[in-house]
Amino acid sequence: METSMRKTLRPDVSAFYDKRTFSIQYVVADPATKKCAIVDPILDFDEKSGSVKTENADRILDFIAARGLSVEWILDTHPHADHFSAAQYLKGKTGAPTAIGDHVVEVQKLWKDIYNWPDFAADGSQWDRLFAEGDIFAIGELEGRVLFSPGHTLASITYVVGDAAFIHDTMFMPDSGTARCDFPGGSAARLWNSIQQILALPDEMRLFTGHDYQPGGREPLWEASVAEQKTTNSHMANCRTQAEFVAVREARDATLPMPKLILHALQVNIRGGRLPEPEDNGRRYLKIPIDALEGAVWG
């Protein structure tokens, strides 16, 4: 019984790194039942040609098929600003329900105004499940738990599954510090509080981040323990108070250009990964607002 419980408490986590966006996608699986969830999948988009491909998502599907896994959930941690979500594509391929945090409605309302979409339903109905703080869900025999982790966005959540936590854009690897907070609805003070909640998890908890920008040209990394993040994260180890952290984070954010796909991606991702509907000529069009991100750094 003890051995079975240990297996259940330690999911198999497989990472899929996308060099183009420096993003990490995950398959988290229950080894006992072969049930799994997909976390933060990417729909490939080339802004220069306007081309959409499914190479990242298909790589995940091939992996799942090869391992004999069954998909129970397609999970996004937040509406991403640097890539399109493949949630809808994967739902079509697997039939699994999609989910995101319930505060996504706040992000939808904010960006609905930016895109001037008066008829857009900013109610979260684009997903099958909206998770609130403390909600519990199952992946096979694994228990998943939701932490509300705002700061990077209004809607960010963390998925805690067994001894693994998917912390998205809160902390990066220790040598990269923490995530930016200067997107619409972001807050360095709220991010500090979210990180404190994550660092209150057991020291041996495995933390899986959403991006790795390979500082110094090193190989991509995505896993560190709570203990490692507490003691060596370049922002958290040097900032002992919220005020110190906010000063460091806001000074850094003031130097960062916006992600090149933020205006492309949000209009897809607040729709649960759905592309715009085809117009009367059969083509789909993205809508790019001019001067919507006032004061953004050029890069």
Protein backbone atom coordinates (compact mmCIF):
# COMPACT_ATOMS: atom_id res chain seq x y z
CA MET A 1 0.00 0.00 0.00
CA GLU A 2 2.83 2.41 0.90
CA THR A 3 4.60 1.70 -2.39
CA SER A 4 1.37 2.28 -4.32
CA MET A 5 0.79 5.58 -2.51
CA ARG A 6 4.32 6.78 -3.29
CA LYS A 7 3.82 6.03 -6.97
CA THR A 8 0.52 7.86 -6.95
CA LEU A 9 2.08 10.88 -5.26
CA ARG A 10 4.92 11.18 -7.79
CA PRO A 11 3.64 11.81 -11.31
CA ASP A 12 5.75 11.22 -14.37
CA VAL A 13 6.52 14.65 -15.84
CA SER A 14 7.75 15.00 -19.42
CA ALA A 15 8.80 18.39 -20.76
CA PHE A 16 8.71 19.65 -24.35
CA TYR A 17 10.83 22.74 -24.95
CA ASP A 18 9.97 25.15 -27.77
CA LYS A 19 13.10 27.06 -28.73
CA ARG A 20 11.13 29.55 -30.83
CA THR A 21 9.24 30.93 -27.80
CA PHE A 22 11.52 29.61 -25.01
CA SER A 23 8.42 27.91 -23.60
CA ILE A 24 7.99 24.56 -21.90
CA GLN A 25 4.96 22.35 -22.38
CA TYR A 26 4.32 19.38 -20.11
CA VAL A 27 2.67 15.99 -20.02
CA VAL A 28 1.99 14.97 -16.41
CA ALA A 29 0.97 11.33 -16.08
CA ASP A 30 -0.19 8.93 -13.41
CA PRO A 31 2.06 5.87 -13.84
CA ALA A 32 -0.53 3.64 -12.19
CA THR A 33 -3.41 4.33 -14.59
CA LYS A 34 -1.68 5.85 -17.66
CA LYS A 35 -3.98 8.86 -17.42
CA CYS A 36 -2.37 12.23 -18.14
CA ALA A 37 -2.85 15.96 -18.52
CA ILE A 38 -1.24 18.32 -21.01
CA VAL A 39 -0.08 21.64 -19.55
CA ASP A 40 0.40 24.86 -21.59
CA PRO A 41 0.51 23.38 -25.11
CA ILE A 42 1.69 25.54 -28.02
CA LEU A 43 0.06 26.15 -31.39
CA ASP A 44 2.90 27.21 -33.70
CA PHE A 45 2.59 30.63 -35.34
CA ASP A 46 5.00 32.52 -37.58
CA GLU A 47 4.27 36.23 -37.41
CA LYS A 48 6.22 36.99 -40.59
CA SER A 49 4.22 34.72 -42.86
CA GLY A 50 1.04 34.44 -40.79
CA SER A 51 1.38 30.66 -40.93
CA VAL A 52 -0.04 28.33 -38.28
CA LYS A 53 1.28 24.81 -37.72
CA THR A 54 0.68 22.05 -35.18
CA GLU A 55 4.20 20.63 -34.87
CA ASN A 56 4.51 21.18 -31.11
CA ALA A 57 1.07 19.76 -30.38
CA ASP A 58 1.59 16.80 -32.70
CA ARG A 59 4.89 16.02 -30.98
CA ILE A 60 2.97 15.77 -27.72
CA LEU A 61 0.28 13.58 -29.31
CA ASP A 62 2.95 11.26 -30.72
CA PHE A 63 4.55 10.97 -27.28
CA ILE A 64 1.20 10.20 -25.65
CA ALA A 65 0.42 7.54 -28.25
CA ALA A 66 3.87 5.95 -27.91
CA ARG A 67 3.49 5.73 -24.12
CA GLY A 68 -0.08 4.41 -24.28
CA LEU A 69 -1.42 7.36 -22.29
CA SER A 70 -4.98 8.66 -22.15
CA VAL A 71 -5.56 12.43 -21.90
CA GLU A 72 -7.91 13.54 -19.12
CA TRP A 73 -7.21 17.28 -19.12
CA ILE A 74 -5.79 20.04 -21.30
CA LEU A 75 -4.65 22.72 -18.87
CA ASP A 76 -3.51 26.29 -19.38
CA THR A 77 -1.98 28.21 -16.49
CA HIS A 78 -2.97 31.62 -17.91
CA PRO A 79 -3.68 33.37 -21.24
CA HIS A 80 -0.18 33.45 -22.72
CA ALA A 81 1.35 36.55 -24.31
CA ASP A 82 4.11 34.91 -26.32
CA HIS A 83 2.49 31.93 -28.02
CA PHE A 84 -0.88 30.64 -29.12
CA SER A 85 -2.52 27.94 -27.01
CA ALA A 86 -3.09 24.59 -28.73
CA ALA A 87 -5.87 23.71 -26.28
CA GLN A 88 -8.65 23.66 -28.89
CA TYR A 89 -6.60 21.70 -31.39
CA LEU A 90 -5.75 19.08 -28.77
CA LYS A 91 -9.32 18.90 -27.54
CA GLY A 92 -10.36 18.10 -31.10
CA LYS A 93 -7.77 15.33 -31.28
CA THR A 94 -8.32 13.81 -27.82
CA GLY A 95 -11.79 14.81 -26.65
CA ALA A 96 -10.31 15.90 -23.31
CA PRO A 97 -11.80 18.93 -21.54
CA THR A 98 -9.95 22.24 -21.41
CA ALA A 99 -9.41 24.26 -18.24
CA ILE A 100 -7.92 27.51 -16.95
CA GLY A 101 -8.27 29.70 -13.84
CA ASP A 102 -11.61 31.39 -13.20
CA HIS A 103 -10.04 34.87 -13.08
CA VAL A 104 -9.58 34.58 -16.84
CA VAL A 105 -12.82 36.54 -17.10
CA GLU A 106 -10.95 39.61 -15.79
CA VAL A 107 -8.32 39.19 -18.51
CA GLN A 108 -11.06 38.75 -21.09
CA LYS A 109 -12.79 41.96 -20.01
CA LEU A 110 -9.53 43.89 -20.17
CA TRP A 111 -8.54 42.66 -23.63
CA LYS A 112 -12.11 42.77 -24.96
CA ASP A 113 -11.86 46.53 -24.54
CA ILE A 114 -8.39 46.69 -26.12
CA TYR A 115 -9.60 44.74 -29.17
CA ASN A 116 -12.93 46.61 -29.28
CA TRP A 117 -14.99 43.42 -29.26
CA PRO A 118 -18.35 44.59 -27.84
CA ASP A 119 -20.06 41.26 -28.53
CA PHE A 120 -17.33 39.05 -27.10
CA ALA A 121 -18.53 36.78 -24.26
CA ALA A 122 -16.11 37.59 -21.43
CA ASP A 123 -17.50 34.84 -19.21
CA GLY A 124 -14.97 32.02 -19.51
CA SER A 125 -17.38 29.90 -21.54
CA GLN A 126 -14.58 29.20 -24.03
CA TRP A 127 -13.23 26.54 -21.62
CA ASP A 128 -14.88 23.42 -20.25
CA ARG A 129 -13.80 24.12 -16.66
CA LEU A 130 -12.78 27.25 -14.78
CA PHE A 131 -10.70 26.45 -11.69
CA ALA A 132 -10.90 28.51 -8.51
CA GLU A 133 -8.34 28.69 -5.70
CA GLY A 134 -8.33 25.38 -3.82
CA ASP A 135 -10.21 23.38 -6.44
CA ILE A 136 -9.35 19.68 -6.64
CA PHE A 137 -9.28 17.59 -9.80
CA ALA A 138 -8.04 14.11 -10.74
CA ILE A 139 -5.52 12.75 -13.22
CA GLY A 140 -6.09 9.04 -12.86
CA GLU A 141 -5.38 8.36 -9.19
CA LEU A 142 -3.36 11.56 -8.82
CA GLU A 143 -4.92 14.50 -7.01
CA GLY A 144 -4.46 17.91 -8.60
CA ARG A 145 -4.90 21.12 -6.62
CA VAL A 146 -5.17 24.71 -7.82
CA LEU A 147 -3.37 27.75 -6.38
CA PHE A 148 -4.36 31.23 -7.53
CA SER A 149 -1.02 32.86 -8.48
CA PRO A 150 -1.63 36.36 -9.91
CA GLY A 151 1.01 38.97 -10.63
CA HIS A 152 2.29 38.05 -14.05
CA THR A 153 -1.35 38.19 -15.17
CA LEU A 154 -4.69 38.67 -13.43
CA ALA A 155 -5.62 35.04 -14.04
CA SER A 156 -2.46 33.00 -13.44
CA ILE A 157 -2.80 29.74 -11.52
CA THR A 158 -0.44 27.00 -10.35
CA TYR A 159 -1.29 23.32 -10.71
CA VAL A 160 -0.01 21.15 -7.84
CA VAL A 161 -0.08 17.46 -8.79
CA GLY A 162 1.46 15.09 -6.28
CA ASP A 163 5.02 16.27 -5.64
CA ALA A 164 5.05 18.45 -8.78
CA ALA A 165 3.88 22.06 -9.17
CA PHE A 166 3.52 23.79 -12.52
CA ILE A 167 4.35 27.38 -11.64
CA HIS A 168 4.18 28.97 -15.12
CA ASP A 169 5.41 32.59 -15.19
CA THR A 170 6.01 33.17 -11.48
CA MET A 171 9.59 32.01 -10.97
CA PHE A 172 11.97 30.85 -13.66
CA MET A 173 15.04 28.72 -13.01
CA PRO A 174 17.03 30.16 -10.08
CA ASP A 175 19.63 31.81 -12.35
CA SER A 176 16.84 33.69 -14.17
CA GLY A 177 14.87 35.06 -11.24
CA THR A 178 11.18 35.78 -11.62
CA ALA A 179 8.64 36.68 -14.28
CA ARG A 180 7.78 40.14 -15.53
CA CYS A 181 4.68 41.93 -14.23
CA ASP A 182 4.24 44.82 -16.67
CA PHE A 183 1.56 43.33 -18.92
CA PRO A 184 -1.93 44.81 -18.64
CA GLY A 185 -3.27 43.65 -15.26
CA GLY A 186 0.16 42.66 -13.92
CA SER A 187 1.42 43.49 -10.43
CA ALA A 188 4.83 42.92 -8.85
CA ALA A 189 3.30 43.13 -5.36
CA ARG A 190 0.79 40.40 -6.19
CA LEU A 191 3.52 38.27 -7.75
CA TRP A 192 5.54 38.49 -4.53
CA ASN A 193 2.55 37.14 -2.60
CA SER A 194 2.00 34.36 -5.14
CA ILE A 195 5.64 33.31 -4.93
CA GLN A 196 5.49 33.21 -1.13
CA GLN A 197 2.58 30.77 -1.41
CA ILE A 198 4.56 28.57 -3.79
CA LEU A 199 7.66 28.68 -1.58
CA ALA A 200 5.52 27.56 1.37
CA LEU A 201 5.11 24.18 -0.36
CA PRO A 202 7.33 21.34 0.93
CA ASP A 203 11.05 21.87 0.26
CA GLU A 204 11.25 18.70 -1.85
CA MET A 205 8.38 19.74 -4.13
CA ARG A 206 9.42 19.80 -7.79
CA LEU A 207 8.67 23.17 -9.42
CA PHE A 208 8.26 23.25 -13.20
CA THR A 209 8.52 26.63 -14.86
CA GLY A 210 6.87 27.92 -18.02
CA HIS A 211 9.89 29.42 -19.78
CA ASP A 212 13.64 29.19 -19.91
CA TYR A 213 15.64 31.84 -21.74
CA GLN A 214 18.97 29.96 -21.44
CA PRO A 215 21.08 32.64 -19.74
CA GLY A 216 24.71 32.51 -20.85
CA GLY A 217 23.76 30.12 -23.63
CA ARG A 218 23.38 27.11 -21.30
CA GLU A 219 21.12 24.19 -22.18
CA PRO A 220 17.41 24.73 -21.41
CA LEU A 221 16.27 23.80 -17.90
CA TRP A 222 12.85 23.77 -16.28
CA GLU A 223 12.87 21.95 -12.94
CA ALA A 224 14.06 23.08 -9.49
CA SER A 225 12.95 22.21 -5.98
CA VAL A 226 11.28 24.60 -3.57
CA ALA A 227 14.46 24.47 -1.46
CA GLU A 228 16.62 25.43 -4.45
CA GLN A 229 14.35 28.32 -5.37
CA LYS A 230 14.31 29.61 -1.78
CA THR A 231 18.08 29.67 -1.46
CA THR A 232 19.38 30.42 -4.95
CA ASN A 233 16.74 32.24 -7.00
CA SER A 234 18.50 35.42 -8.11
CA HIS A 235 15.54 37.60 -7.15
CA MET A 236 14.04 35.82 -4.18
CA ALA A 237 17.29 35.10 -2.34
CA ASN A 238 18.30 38.76 -2.52
CA CYS A 239 14.92 40.36 -1.76
CA ARG A 240 13.80 39.89 1.82
CA THR A 241 10.70 42.08 1.68
CA GLN A 242 7.90 42.74 -0.74
CA ALA A 243 9.06 46.34 -1.16
CA GLU A 244 12.57 45.23 -2.15
CA PHE A 245 11.16 42.75 -4.64
CA VAL A 246 8.76 45.27 -6.19
CA ALA A 247 11.62 47.75 -6.67
CA VAL A 248 13.83 45.13 -8.36
CA ARG A 249 11.04 43.70 -10.48
CA GLU A 250 9.66 47.05 -11.67
CA ALA A 251 13.14 48.39 -12.50
CA ARG A 252 13.81 45.30 -14.60
CA ASP A 253 10.40 45.38 -16.29
CA ALA A 254 10.95 49.00 -17.36
CA THR A 255 13.79 47.79 -19.61
CA LEU A 256 11.98 44.88 -21.28
CA PRO A 257 10.34 45.11 -24.71
CA MET A 258 6.94 43.51 -25.06
CA PRO A 259 6.82 39.93 -26.39
CA LYS A 260 6.63 40.08 -30.17
CA LEU A 261 3.39 38.08 -30.22
CA ILE A 262 1.47 39.68 -27.35
CA LEU A 263 -1.10 41.44 -29.56
CA HIS A 264 -1.40 38.40 -31.82
CA ALA A 265 -1.61 35.83 -29.04
CA LEU A 266 -4.05 37.37 -26.57
CA GLN A 267 -6.87 37.54 -29.10
CA VAL A 268 -6.49 33.79 -29.63
CA ASN A 269 -5.80 32.82 -26.04
CA ILE A 270 -8.69 34.68 -24.41
CA ARG A 271 -10.82 32.58 -26.76
CA GLY A 272 -9.40 29.34 -25.36
CA GLY A 273 -7.00 28.84 -28.25
CA ARG A 274 -9.54 29.41 -30.99
CA LEU A 275 -8.35 31.18 -34.12
CA PRO A 276 -10.54 33.96 -35.57
CA GLU A 277 -13.44 32.72 -37.64
CA PRO A 278 -12.91 32.77 -41.43
CA GLU A 279 -14.28 35.82 -43.22
CA ASP A 280 -16.35 35.68 -46.42
CA ASN A 281 -13.23 34.99 -48.50
CA GLY A 282 -12.34 31.98 -46.39
CA ARG A 283 -9.32 33.61 -44.73
CA ARG A 284 -8.79 34.26 -41.03
CA TYR A 285 -7.49 37.64 -39.86
CA LEU A 286 -5.83 38.83 -36.67
CA LYS A 287 -6.60 42.29 -35.34
CA ILE A 288 -3.66 44.41 -34.17
CA PRO A 289 -4.59 47.53 -32.15
CA ILE A 290 -2.29 50.52 -32.67
CA ASP A 291 -0.70 52.14 -29.58
CA ALA A 292 -2.67 49.90 -27.24
CA LEU A 293 0.31 49.23 -24.95
CA GLU A 294 1.18 52.77 -23.97
CA GLY A 295 4.76 53.30 -22.84
CA ALA A 296 5.95 49.90 -24.05
CA VAL A 297 9.70 49.56 -24.62
CA TRP A 298 10.67 49.17 -28.26
CA GLY A 299 12.81 46.19 -29.05
